[in-house]
Each structure stands twice: as C-alpha cells, then as structure tokens.
Amino acid sequence: MDKEKKGQIINQFRLKENDSGSVEVQVAVLTERINQLTEHLKLYPQDRHSRHALHGVIGRRRRFLRYLNRTAPERHHSLIARLGLRE
C-alpha cells in the first residue's frame, strides 16, 4: 500500500486531528491490506507466504474488532457498516 492511499484511509477514519492509531484507523488499514492480499492470491493461488501473511492480518483485524465491540459497541457497528464487513 502506498503512502497516499494510507493517508486517505487515515483521513477518512480518524476520530480527531492527528489521529493515526485509533482502532478504527487500524482496522481500516488492515482491511485495505486484506483486500490487496486477496487480489494477489487470486493471481497467484499457490503463494503460500502471502497466504500465511493474509491469515495473520485477518487475525489481527479480528482481535481489534473484538476489542472495539467489547469497549464501544456503537463504534464497532458503525465501523462495520462503513467498511462493508459482515459480522
């Protein structure tokens, strides 16, 4: 992911000015990375290293979402809707 794309995601999902580490931002960045790895694996289905990386990123996003659901369920539901994830 290039710097410009990551900056756009951060600007879209941040909670306040200079926010680059909130759970919403991290989940959005991980979701973009998951989408990129998924597209890569469609082209190269036998790339085991990328598949392993994809599983790690999915697990990290799942943990962030579980934390957000536990601490702030309304923010969790709005983030899920904004990202178009199913849960």
C-alpha atoms as a PDB file:
ATOM      1  CA  MET A   1       0.000   0.000   0.000  1.00  0.00           C
ATOM      2  CA  ASP A   2       1.452   3.367  -0.943  1.00  0.00           C
ATOM      3  CA  LYS A   3       1.648   6.411   1.312  1.00  0.00           C
ATOM      4  CA  GLU A   4      -1.096   8.330  -0.462  1.00  0.00           C
ATOM      5  CA  LYS A   5      -3.649   5.522  -0.142  1.00  0.00           C
ATOM      6  CA  LYS A   6      -2.796   5.006   3.517  1.00  0.00           C
ATOM      7  CA  GLY A   7      -3.092   8.769   4.149  1.00  0.00           C
ATOM      8  CA  GLN A   8      -6.534   8.816   2.532  1.00  0.00           C
ATOM      9  CA  ILE A   9      -7.690   5.931   4.719  1.00  0.00           C
ATOM     10  CA  ILE A  10      -6.352   7.625   7.844  1.00  0.00           C
ATOM     11  CA  ASN A  11      -8.087  10.901   6.950  1.00  0.00           C
ATOM     12  CA  GLN A  12     -11.354   9.105   6.315  1.00  0.00           C
ATOM     13  CA  PHE A  13     -11.463   7.054   9.530  1.00  0.00           C
ATOM     14  CA  ARG A  14      -9.683   9.176  12.125  1.00  0.00           C
ATOM     15  CA  LEU A  15     -11.605  10.348  15.168  1.00  0.00           C
ATOM     16  CA  LYS A  16      -9.817  13.672  15.627  1.00  0.00           C
ATOM     17  CA  GLU A  17      -6.938  15.692  14.199  1.00  0.00           C
ATOM     18  CA  ASN A  18      -3.542  13.914  14.243  1.00  0.00           C
ATOM     19  CA  ASP A  19      -5.214  10.562  14.910  1.00  0.00           C
ATOM     20  CA  SER A  20      -3.398   7.721  13.176  1.00  0.00           C
ATOM     21  CA  GLY A  21      -3.569   4.958  15.761  1.00  0.00           C
ATOM     22  CA  SER A  22      -7.167   4.603  16.846  1.00  0.00           C
ATOM     23  CA  VAL A  23      -8.809   1.230  16.468  1.00  0.00           C
ATOM     24  CA  GLU A  24     -10.970   2.473  13.590  1.00  0.00           C
ATOM     25  CA  VAL A  25      -7.937   3.636  11.605  1.00  0.00           C
ATOM     26  CA  GLN A  26      -6.022   0.430  12.260  1.00  0.00           C
ATOM     27  CA  VAL A  27      -8.955  -1.761  11.220  1.00  0.00           C
ATOM     28  CA  ALA A  28      -9.446   0.275   8.034  1.00  0.00           C
ATOM     29  CA  VAL A  29      -5.751  -0.013   7.115  1.00  0.00           C
ATOM     30  CA  LEU A  30      -5.772  -3.753   7.814  1.00  0.00           C
ATOM     31  CA  THR A  31      -8.921  -4.151   5.715  1.00  0.00           C
ATOM     32  CA  GLU A  32      -7.207  -2.478   2.767  1.00  0.00           C
ATOM     33  CA  ARG A  33      -4.205  -4.767   3.204  1.00  0.00           C
ATOM     34  CA  ILE A  34      -6.500  -7.808   3.328  1.00  0.00           C
ATOM     35  CA  ASN A  35      -8.148  -6.687   0.084  1.00  0.00           C
ATOM     36  CA  GLN A  36      -4.758  -6.286  -1.603  1.00  0.00           C
ATOM     37  CA  LEU A  37      -3.524  -9.693  -0.441  1.00  0.00           C
ATOM     38  CA  THR A  38      -6.776 -11.300  -1.584  1.00  0.00           C
ATOM     39  CA  GLU A  39      -6.366  -9.833  -5.063  1.00  0.00           C
ATOM     40  CA  HIS A  40      -2.744 -11.016  -5.144  1.00  0.00           C
ATOM     41  CA  LEU A  41      -3.792 -14.542  -4.188  1.00  0.00           C
ATOM     42  CA  LYS A  42      -6.365 -14.607  -6.974  1.00  0.00           C
ATOM     43  CA  LEU A  43      -3.499 -14.139  -9.429  1.00  0.00           C
ATOM     44  CA  TYR A  44      -1.039 -16.410  -7.602  1.00  0.00           C
ATOM     45  CA  PRO A  45      -3.052 -19.055  -5.740  1.00  0.00           C
ATOM     46  CA  GLN A  46      -0.016 -21.126  -4.741  1.00  0.00           C
ATOM     47  CA  ASP A  47       1.822 -18.274  -2.989  1.00  0.00           C
ATOM     48  CA  ARG A  48       1.959 -19.823   0.480  1.00  0.00           C
ATOM     49  CA  HIS A  49       3.900 -16.975   2.084  1.00  0.00           C
ATOM     50  CA  SER A  50       1.289 -14.404   1.114  1.00  0.00           C
ATOM     51  CA  ARG A  51      -1.482 -16.729   2.290  1.00  0.00           C
ATOM     52  CA  HIS A  52       0.237 -17.049   5.665  1.00  0.00           C
ATOM     53  CA  ALA A  53       0.563 -13.248   5.865  1.00  0.00           C
ATOM     54  CA  LEU A  54      -3.124 -12.897   4.971  1.00  0.00           C
ATOM     55  CA  HIS A  55      -4.151 -15.173   7.829  1.00  0.00           C
ATOM     56  CA  GLY A  56      -2.036 -13.138  10.240  1.00  0.00           C
ATOM     57  CA  VAL A  57      -3.578  -9.845   9.119  1.00  0.00           C
ATOM     58  CA  ILE A  58      -7.090 -11.303   9.353  1.00  0.00           C
ATOM     59  CA  GLY A  59      -6.390 -12.456  12.908  1.00  0.00           C
ATOM     60  CA  ARG A  60      -5.058  -9.062  13.902  1.00  0.00           C
ATOM     61  CA  ARG A  61      -8.155  -7.317  12.470  1.00  0.00           C
ATOM     62  CA  ARG A  62     -10.417  -9.813  14.240  1.00  0.00           C
ATOM     63  CA  ARG A  63      -8.745  -9.037  17.579  1.00  0.00           C
ATOM     64  CA  PHE A  64      -9.129  -5.277  17.021  1.00  0.00           C
ATOM     65  CA  LEU A  65     -12.807  -5.702  16.158  1.00  0.00           C
ATOM     66  CA  ARG A  66     -13.405  -7.906  19.184  1.00  0.00           C
ATOM     67  CA  TYR A  67     -11.776  -5.277  21.408  1.00  0.00           C
ATOM     68  CA  LEU A  68     -13.852  -2.486  19.862  1.00  0.00           C
ATOM     69  CA  ASN A  69     -17.062  -4.485  20.265  1.00  0.00           C
ATOM     70  CA  ARG A  70     -16.237  -5.111  23.918  1.00  0.00           C
ATOM     71  CA  THR A  71     -15.369  -1.492  24.742  1.00  0.00           C
ATOM     72  CA  ALA A  72     -17.610   0.558  22.423  1.00  0.00           C
ATOM     73  CA  PRO A  73     -20.287  -1.480  20.623  1.00  0.00           C
ATOM     74  CA  GLU A  74     -21.831   1.523  18.861  1.00  0.00           C
ATOM     75  CA  ARG A  75     -18.468   2.476  17.311  1.00  0.00           C
ATOM     76  CA  HIS A  76     -17.983  -1.170  16.320  1.00  0.00           C
ATOM     77  CA  HIS A  77     -21.311  -1.326  14.484  1.00  0.00           C
ATOM     78  CA  SER A  78     -20.725   1.972  12.698  1.00  0.00           C
ATOM     79  CA  LEU A  79     -17.228   0.865  11.605  1.00  0.00           C
ATOM     80  CA  ILE A  80     -18.558  -2.450  10.308  1.00  0.00           C
ATOM     81  CA  ALA A  81     -21.182  -0.568   8.287  1.00  0.00           C
ATOM     82  CA  ARG A  82     -18.655   1.939   6.912  1.00  0.00           C
ATOM     83  CA  LEU A  83     -16.243  -0.769   5.824  1.00  0.00           C
ATOM     84  CA  GLY A  84     -18.935  -3.069   4.494  1.00  0.00           C
ATOM     85  CA  LEU A  85     -17.829  -6.043   6.589  1.00  0.00           C
ATOM     86  CA  ARG A  86     -20.187  -8.801   7.651  1.00  0.00           C
ATOM     87  CA  GLU A  87     -20.350  -9.936  11.231  1.00  0.00           C
END
